[in-house]
Amino acid sequence: KSSLDPSHFLRHLKQIVFRLGRTDFDIFQQQDAAEVLMFVLEELCGDSVYLHDLINVQVKNTLVCTSCYQENVSEESHRLLQLSVTKSVQSSLDLFLQSESLTNDNSVFCNYCNSLQQTILEHEFCKLGRCLIIQLKRFININNGVSKNIQSLLSSPFLSVPVVVDSEIKINRKFNLKAVMNHTGDLNSGHYTAYINLPSSGWCHCNDSAVMPWKREFFSSSSSYIIFYVVILFYSIFLYNL
């Protein structure tokens, strides 16, 4: 019902960012929300195993050589999961999990073949925290410049994410939409707003000091940039590769 002056928080944020090596950070200029959010998350997590597990996304990457069929498996952790922009968050997630063929200039060196080979790349989630933060790849490099993808994307109330338990079982974890951060403008200038689902009063639209009730539970927007989900304590199990 009332706005909060963020200047005190921003002053501390500037100190944190300076300490992490970004001496050019200026709280009075537009900053990329995803980059700043990463600084905040790293500071919050610190040495806390609980907070690390709360927002950790563990991705298993498998490279399969199409010549000798040898596999090279690695894992990486994400605070923010970056997804391409499609018609919906669910389809963007499904696209991320699709197999990708790496050929020509993207061919991978195979240690068994001792040469560059066509390779199949697959992603799987092997661990998810209770919170899932998704950054949409709105800004892309085109012709030595940065352009913004303003395709409209549907952020629905629910998201289904398959997580690998072992070689034969996946668990479908269900997530509930909690907030959407929006950006209008380009890389150098613009404006941020947010939709937030408050436990006490439901959805609201935050635009600087103006906070207004919002009746929708899903959003189709060309400005959505960072999307926040929280897990629902319900999941289904199904078998595959039997």
Protein backbone atom coordinates (compact mmCIF):
# COMPACT_ATOMS: atom_id res chain seq x y z
CA LYS A 1 0.00 0.00 0.00
CA SER A 2 3.03 2.26 0.17
CA SER A 3 6.29 2.45 -1.78
CA LEU A 4 9.71 1.74 -0.30
CA ASP A 5 12.67 4.02 -0.93
CA PRO A 6 15.39 1.70 -2.36
CA SER A 7 18.31 4.15 -1.99
CA HIS A 8 19.68 2.50 1.17
CA PHE A 9 19.61 -0.92 -0.50
CA LEU A 10 21.25 0.47 -3.65
CA ARG A 11 24.12 2.03 -1.71
CA HIS A 12 24.89 -1.34 -0.12
CA LEU A 13 24.47 -3.06 -3.48
CA LYS A 14 27.06 -0.73 -5.00
CA GLN A 15 29.55 -1.69 -2.28
CA ILE A 16 28.93 -5.38 -2.95
CA VAL A 17 29.37 -4.99 -6.70
CA PHE A 18 32.56 -2.96 -6.22
CA ARG A 19 33.92 -5.68 -3.95
CA LEU A 20 33.22 -8.25 -6.67
CA GLY A 21 35.26 -6.29 -9.21
CA ARG A 22 32.72 -4.11 -11.05
CA THR A 23 34.18 -0.68 -10.31
CA ASP A 24 32.20 0.90 -13.17
CA PHE A 25 28.84 0.10 -11.55
CA ASP A 26 26.70 3.21 -11.11
CA ILE A 27 23.38 3.06 -9.24
CA PHE A 28 22.18 6.19 -11.07
CA GLN A 29 22.44 4.58 -14.51
CA GLN A 30 20.44 1.75 -16.04
CA GLN A 31 21.93 -1.66 -15.26
CA ASP A 32 21.03 -5.06 -16.63
CA ALA A 33 18.61 -6.60 -14.12
CA ALA A 34 19.88 -10.15 -14.70
CA GLU A 35 23.49 -9.14 -14.03
CA VAL A 36 22.57 -7.22 -10.88
CA LEU A 37 20.37 -10.09 -9.69
CA MET A 38 23.35 -12.44 -10.00
CA PHE A 39 25.34 -10.18 -7.65
CA VAL A 40 22.46 -10.20 -5.17
CA LEU A 41 22.04 -13.99 -5.30
CA GLU A 42 25.76 -14.64 -4.87
CA GLU A 43 25.85 -12.32 -1.87
CA LEU A 44 22.75 -13.91 -0.32
CA CYS A 45 24.00 -17.46 -0.81
CA GLY A 46 27.55 -16.84 0.43
CA ASP A 47 28.50 -19.99 2.31
CA SER A 48 24.89 -21.00 2.98
CA VAL A 49 24.26 -24.52 1.70
CA TYR A 50 20.52 -24.06 2.27
CA LEU A 51 20.25 -20.95 0.10
CA HIS A 52 22.54 -22.46 -2.53
CA ASP A 53 20.26 -25.50 -2.81
CA LEU A 54 17.16 -23.29 -2.78
CA ILE A 55 17.96 -21.66 -6.14
CA ASN A 56 20.45 -24.10 -7.67
CA VAL A 57 19.78 -25.55 -11.12
CA GLN A 58 22.06 -28.47 -11.97
CA VAL A 59 22.24 -29.33 -15.69
CA LYS A 60 23.77 -32.51 -17.08
CA ASN A 61 25.31 -32.01 -20.53
CA THR A 62 25.95 -35.06 -22.69
CA LEU A 63 27.98 -34.96 -25.91
CA VAL A 64 27.67 -38.03 -28.14
CA CYS A 65 30.03 -38.51 -31.08
CA THR A 66 28.03 -39.65 -34.12
CA SER A 67 31.06 -41.57 -35.41
CA CYS A 68 32.15 -43.70 -32.45
CA TYR A 69 29.15 -43.07 -30.14
CA GLN A 70 31.35 -42.29 -27.18
CA GLU A 71 29.78 -40.00 -24.58
CA ASN A 72 31.31 -37.06 -22.77
CA VAL A 73 29.25 -36.04 -19.72
CA SER A 74 29.62 -32.87 -17.66
CA GLU A 75 27.51 -30.96 -15.15
CA GLU A 76 27.12 -27.24 -14.53
CA SER A 77 25.23 -25.12 -12.01
CA HIS A 78 23.07 -22.10 -12.75
CA ARG A 79 21.51 -19.43 -10.57
CA LEU A 80 19.58 -18.07 -13.56
CA LEU A 81 18.52 -20.48 -16.27
CA GLN A 82 18.83 -18.75 -19.66
CA LEU A 83 16.19 -19.73 -22.24
CA SER A 84 15.48 -18.64 -25.80
CA VAL A 85 12.28 -16.71 -26.49
CA THR A 86 9.45 -18.79 -27.99
CA LYS A 87 5.66 -18.69 -27.70
CA SER A 88 5.63 -19.69 -24.01
CA VAL A 89 7.94 -20.39 -21.08
CA GLN A 90 7.05 -24.09 -21.28
CA SER A 91 7.97 -24.32 -24.99
CA SER A 92 11.22 -22.41 -24.30
CA LEU A 93 12.08 -24.96 -21.63
CA ASP A 94 11.19 -27.85 -23.96
CA LEU A 95 13.41 -26.33 -26.66
CA PHE A 96 16.32 -26.17 -24.21
CA LEU A 97 15.90 -29.91 -23.54
CA GLN A 98 15.80 -30.90 -27.21
CA SER A 99 18.81 -32.68 -28.72
CA GLU A 100 21.05 -30.41 -30.77
CA SER A 101 23.29 -31.49 -33.65
CA LEU A 102 26.70 -29.78 -33.67
CA THR A 103 28.16 -29.81 -37.18
CA ASN A 104 30.54 -27.87 -39.44
CA ASP A 105 31.99 -24.93 -37.49
CA ASN A 106 30.32 -26.22 -34.31
CA SER A 107 31.84 -29.70 -34.55
CA VAL A 108 33.46 -31.04 -31.38
CA PHE A 109 36.88 -32.67 -31.06
CA CYS A 110 36.48 -36.35 -30.14
CA ASN A 111 39.37 -37.82 -28.13
CA TYR A 112 38.56 -41.33 -29.33
CA CYS A 113 38.40 -40.42 -33.03
CA ASN A 114 41.22 -37.88 -32.55
CA SER A 115 39.45 -35.44 -34.88
CA LEU A 116 36.56 -32.99 -35.14
CA GLN A 117 33.29 -34.88 -35.40
CA GLN A 118 29.58 -34.21 -35.73
CA THR A 119 28.19 -34.42 -32.20
CA ILE A 120 24.78 -34.61 -30.54
CA LEU A 121 24.35 -32.36 -27.50
CA GLU A 122 21.69 -33.14 -24.90
CA HIS A 123 20.69 -31.26 -21.74
CA GLU A 124 18.98 -32.79 -18.72
CA PHE A 125 18.11 -31.41 -15.31
CA CYS A 126 19.64 -33.54 -12.58
CA LYS A 127 18.82 -31.22 -9.67
CA LEU A 128 16.42 -28.33 -9.08
CA GLY A 129 15.93 -26.14 -6.05
CA ARG A 130 12.56 -24.93 -4.80
CA CYS A 131 12.97 -21.65 -6.67
CA LEU A 132 13.50 -21.52 -10.42
CA ILE A 133 14.62 -18.21 -11.94
CA ILE A 134 14.53 -17.93 -15.73
CA GLN A 135 16.22 -15.24 -17.79
CA LEU A 136 14.87 -14.86 -21.31
CA LYS A 137 17.55 -14.24 -23.92
CA ARG A 138 16.00 -11.03 -25.23
CA PHE A 139 19.30 -9.38 -26.17
CA ILE A 140 21.15 -11.05 -29.06
CA ASN A 141 24.24 -10.18 -31.11
CA ILE A 142 23.44 -9.40 -34.77
CA ASN A 143 25.92 -7.90 -37.26
CA ASN A 144 28.37 -6.81 -34.54
CA GLY A 145 25.58 -5.09 -32.64
CA VAL A 146 23.08 -5.95 -29.93
CA SER A 147 19.41 -6.26 -30.85
CA LYS A 148 16.40 -7.00 -28.65
CA ASN A 149 13.93 -9.80 -29.36
CA ILE A 150 10.48 -8.37 -28.62
CA GLN A 151 8.49 -11.50 -29.48
CA SER A 152 5.53 -11.90 -27.15
CA LEU A 153 5.82 -14.82 -24.73
CA LEU A 154 3.17 -16.44 -22.54
CA SER A 155 4.05 -16.80 -18.87
CA SER A 156 1.45 -19.29 -17.63
CA PRO A 157 0.69 -20.01 -13.94
CA PHE A 158 2.36 -23.42 -14.02
CA LEU A 159 5.56 -24.93 -15.38
CA SER A 160 6.44 -28.63 -15.67
CA VAL A 161 10.15 -29.49 -15.46
CA PRO A 162 11.49 -33.06 -15.92
CA VAL A 163 14.31 -33.98 -13.54
CA VAL A 164 16.44 -37.10 -14.02
CA VAL A 165 16.60 -39.26 -10.87
CA ASP A 166 18.60 -42.12 -12.37
CA SER A 167 19.05 -43.68 -15.80
CA GLU A 168 15.45 -44.93 -15.97
CA ILE A 169 13.31 -42.49 -13.99
CA LYS A 170 12.35 -38.86 -14.44
CA ILE A 171 10.33 -36.80 -11.99
CA ASN A 172 8.10 -34.04 -13.33
CA ARG A 173 8.46 -31.18 -10.87
CA LYS A 174 5.64 -28.66 -10.97
CA PHE A 175 6.36 -24.97 -10.47
CA ASN A 176 4.00 -22.07 -9.79
CA LEU A 177 4.50 -18.60 -11.27
CA LYS A 178 5.37 -16.02 -8.58
CA ALA A 179 6.78 -12.95 -10.36
CA VAL A 180 7.62 -11.51 -13.76
CA MET A 181 10.18 -8.74 -14.27
CA ASN A 182 9.62 -6.69 -17.44
CA HIS A 183 11.93 -4.46 -19.46
CA THR A 184 10.89 -1.93 -22.09
CA GLY A 185 13.45 -0.10 -24.19
CA ASP A 186 16.84 -1.19 -25.53
CA LEU A 187 20.18 -2.27 -24.05
CA ASN A 188 21.26 1.26 -23.13
CA SER A 189 18.02 2.80 -21.92
CA GLY A 190 14.61 1.67 -20.81
CA HIS A 191 12.34 0.98 -17.85
CA TYR A 192 11.75 -1.96 -15.50
CA THR A 193 8.40 -2.98 -14.02
CA ALA A 194 7.23 -6.16 -12.30
CA TYR A 195 4.21 -8.36 -11.64
CA ILE A 196 4.37 -10.00 -8.20
CA ASN A 197 2.08 -12.53 -6.54
CA LEU A 198 1.81 -11.52 -2.87
CA PRO A 199 0.55 -14.17 -0.41
CA SER A 200 -1.78 -11.70 1.33
CA SER A 201 -3.29 -9.79 -1.59
CA GLY A 202 -2.62 -11.69 -4.82
CA TRP A 203 -1.12 -10.26 -8.00
CA CYS A 204 0.02 -6.65 -8.21
CA HIS A 205 1.74 -4.51 -10.83
CA CYS A 206 4.80 -2.61 -9.60
CA ASN A 207 5.85 0.46 -11.59
CA ASP A 208 8.29 2.54 -9.52
CA SER A 209 6.23 3.94 -6.63
CA ALA A 210 2.90 2.91 -8.21
CA VAL A 211 1.76 -0.52 -6.94
CA MET A 212 -1.65 -1.56 -8.25
CA PRO A 213 -3.78 -4.74 -7.97
CA TRP A 214 -3.63 -7.00 -11.02
CA LYS A 215 -6.35 -9.56 -11.69
CA ARG A 216 -4.57 -11.80 -14.22
CA GLU A 217 -2.69 -14.97 -13.30
CA PHE A 218 -0.83 -15.34 -16.60
CA PHE A 219 0.93 -12.82 -18.82
CA SER A 220 1.51 -12.61 -22.55
CA SER A 221 4.14 -9.95 -23.01
CA SER A 222 6.90 -8.80 -25.32
CA SER A 223 8.70 -7.15 -22.38
CA SER A 224 8.99 -10.05 -19.87
CA TYR A 225 12.68 -10.59 -19.07
CA ILE A 226 13.14 -12.49 -15.80
CA ILE A 227 10.55 -14.96 -14.52
CA PHE A 228 10.34 -16.44 -11.03
CA TYR A 229 8.75 -19.80 -10.18
CA VAL A 230 8.37 -21.69 -6.89
CA VAL A 231 7.93 -25.46 -6.71
CA ILE A 232 4.56 -27.05 -5.96
CA LEU A 233 4.79 -29.99 -3.55
CA PHE A 234 3.29 -32.37 -6.04
CA TYR A 235 5.01 -34.36 -8.76
CA SER A 236 4.43 -37.29 -11.07
CA ILE A 237 6.86 -40.07 -11.88
CA PHE A 238 7.17 -41.78 -15.23
CA LEU A 239 9.57 -44.32 -16.69
CA TYR A 240 11.58 -43.89 -19.86
CA ASN A 241 14.29 -45.75 -21.78
CA LEU A 242 13.02 -49.10 -20.55
